[in-house]
Amino acid sequence: MKVTVSRKAHFNAAHKLFRSDWSDEKNKKVFGKCANENYHGHNYELIVSLTGEIDKETGYVYDLGKLKNIIKAEVEEYLDHKNLNLDIDDFKTINPSAENIAILIYNRLITYFDESYDLKITLYETPRNFVEYSG
């Protein structure tokens, strides 16, 4: 029987959505306020979900204390209070959209889990706008 366990986390970060090969006008037309020249910030809410079998000895799908520590090291310490465009090498060549941030988080976390787990990232950029990514 497969069960899903989840851990919530958050981080604050600034970013700007733009393409350097586009004019300022085109960037503003496509990305709107997100293309603000001086960046803008979000209070990101993150849900990391793991689906797997319940261990008969522990009763856990996965130890949520371990998951908390992995998220802290790989997401919170890496992204919190950063300018994603300037501070995070992964976003030097791609836009730090919510979609791309979710993929980055997935890729940083998936290495901790064997193939018996399904990982899903849910990232809220605002209380109403969110993305989900599961590989």
Protein backbone atom coordinates (compact mmCIF):
# COMPACT_ATOMS: atom_id res chain seq x y z
CA MET A 1 0.00 0.00 0.00
CA LYS A 2 1.44 3.37 -1.03
CA VAL A 3 0.99 6.44 1.14
CA THR A 4 2.06 10.05 0.58
CA VAL A 5 3.77 12.09 3.30
CA SER A 6 4.46 15.80 2.94
CA ARG A 7 6.55 18.49 4.56
CA LYS A 8 5.91 22.22 4.26
CA ALA A 9 8.68 24.80 4.13
CA HIS A 10 9.16 28.36 2.98
CA PHE A 11 11.77 30.74 1.69
CA ASN A 12 11.90 34.35 0.58
CA ALA A 13 13.63 35.32 -2.65
CA ALA A 14 13.79 38.06 -5.26
CA HIS A 15 13.83 37.59 -9.01
CA LYS A 16 13.16 39.19 -12.35
CA LEU A 17 11.72 37.46 -15.39
CA PHE A 18 13.27 38.68 -18.61
CA ARG A 19 15.16 37.66 -21.70
CA SER A 20 18.32 39.60 -22.43
CA ASP A 21 17.83 39.03 -26.15
CA TRP A 22 14.46 40.86 -26.03
CA SER A 23 13.79 44.57 -25.85
CA ASP A 24 12.59 46.14 -22.61
CA GLU A 25 9.21 46.69 -24.26
CA LYS A 26 8.84 43.02 -25.22
CA ASN A 27 9.94 41.86 -21.76
CA LYS A 28 7.36 44.15 -20.14
CA LYS A 29 4.67 42.98 -22.56
CA VAL A 30 5.35 39.28 -21.91
CA PHE A 31 6.36 39.29 -18.22
CA GLY A 32 4.53 42.39 -16.94
CA LYS A 33 5.49 43.46 -13.41
CA CYS A 34 7.73 40.40 -13.15
CA ALA A 35 10.15 42.14 -15.55
CA ASN A 36 10.71 44.99 -13.06
CA GLU A 37 14.21 46.32 -13.69
CA ASN A 38 15.04 46.30 -9.96
CA TYR A 39 13.60 42.84 -9.27
CA HIS A 40 10.74 41.92 -6.93
CA GLY A 41 10.26 39.38 -4.17
CA HIS A 42 8.03 36.51 -3.13
CA ASN A 43 7.36 34.59 0.06
CA TYR A 44 7.48 31.12 -1.46
CA GLU A 45 5.63 28.27 0.22
CA LEU A 46 6.88 24.79 -0.58
CA ILE A 47 5.32 21.36 -0.11
CA VAL A 48 7.58 18.37 -0.65
CA SER A 49 5.63 15.11 -0.97
CA LEU A 50 7.01 11.58 -1.01
CA THR A 51 4.90 8.60 -1.97
CA GLY A 52 6.05 5.12 -1.05
CA GLU A 53 5.40 1.96 0.89
CA ILE A 54 5.02 2.05 4.67
CA ASP A 55 8.02 0.47 6.39
CA LYS A 56 6.75 -2.42 8.54
CA GLU A 57 9.30 -1.78 11.29
CA THR A 58 8.90 1.99 11.69
CA GLY A 59 5.43 2.63 10.33
CA TYR A 60 6.95 5.47 8.27
CA VAL A 61 6.93 6.07 4.55
CA TYR A 62 9.92 8.32 5.22
CA ASP A 63 11.28 9.90 8.40
CA LEU A 64 9.90 13.46 8.30
CA GLY A 65 12.73 14.67 10.53
CA LYS A 66 15.22 13.56 7.88
CA LEU A 67 13.09 15.15 5.17
CA LYS A 68 13.03 18.42 7.14
CA ASN A 69 16.84 18.45 7.32
CA ILE A 70 17.23 17.69 3.61
CA ILE A 71 14.84 20.52 2.67
CA LYS A 72 16.63 22.91 5.02
CA ALA A 73 20.05 22.12 3.54
CA GLU A 74 19.11 21.85 -0.13
CA VAL A 75 16.35 24.44 -0.48
CA GLU A 76 16.08 26.88 2.40
CA GLU A 77 19.80 27.50 2.88
CA TYR A 78 20.36 27.58 -0.88
CA LEU A 79 17.50 29.90 -1.92
CA ASP A 80 16.32 31.86 1.13
CA HIS A 81 16.93 35.62 0.98
CA LYS A 82 18.68 35.35 -2.36
CA ASN A 83 18.33 37.22 -5.61
CA LEU A 84 17.72 34.19 -7.78
CA ASN A 85 18.98 35.86 -10.97
CA LEU A 86 22.24 37.06 -9.41
CA ASP A 87 23.02 34.61 -6.61
CA ILE A 88 22.00 31.23 -8.02
CA ASP A 89 24.15 29.88 -10.84
CA ASP A 90 21.31 27.65 -12.06
CA PHE A 91 19.41 30.79 -13.10
CA LYS A 92 22.21 32.50 -15.00
CA THR A 93 20.84 31.07 -18.26
CA ILE A 94 17.17 30.32 -17.51
CA ASN A 95 14.39 32.45 -16.10
CA PRO A 96 13.68 31.83 -12.40
CA SER A 97 9.97 31.29 -13.01
CA ALA A 98 7.99 29.28 -10.48
CA GLU A 99 8.10 26.38 -12.94
CA ASN A 100 11.89 26.47 -13.20
CA ILE A 101 12.32 26.94 -9.44
CA ALA A 102 10.17 23.84 -8.80
CA ILE A 103 12.29 21.81 -11.25
CA LEU A 104 15.48 23.05 -9.58
CA ILE A 105 14.17 22.02 -6.15
CA TYR A 106 13.10 18.61 -7.47
CA ASN A 107 16.53 18.02 -8.99
CA ARG A 108 18.30 19.01 -5.75
CA LEU A 109 16.09 16.69 -3.65
CA ILE A 110 15.56 13.61 -5.84
CA THR A 111 19.14 12.40 -5.32
CA TYR A 112 18.32 11.65 -1.66
CA PHE A 113 15.62 9.08 -2.45
CA ASP A 114 15.81 5.71 -4.13
CA GLU A 115 13.55 4.76 -7.03
CA SER A 116 10.92 3.26 -4.72
CA TYR A 117 9.77 6.81 -3.88
CA ASP A 118 7.78 9.23 -6.01
CA LEU A 119 8.70 12.85 -5.31
CA LYS A 120 6.37 15.78 -5.97
CA ILE A 121 7.17 19.46 -5.51
CA THR A 122 4.37 21.97 -4.99
CA LEU A 123 5.60 25.55 -5.00
CA TYR A 124 3.37 28.51 -4.17
CA GLU A 125 4.67 31.79 -5.55
CA THR A 126 1.62 33.56 -4.16
CA PRO A 127 -1.32 32.18 -2.19
CA ARG A 128 -3.20 31.79 -5.50
CA ASN A 129 -0.43 30.91 -7.96
CA PHE A 130 1.37 27.61 -7.64
CA VAL A 131 3.06 24.93 -9.71
CA GLU A 132 3.53 21.20 -9.23
CA TYR A 133 6.37 19.11 -10.58
CA SER A 134 7.00 15.41 -10.19
CA GLY A 135 9.72 14.67 -12.72
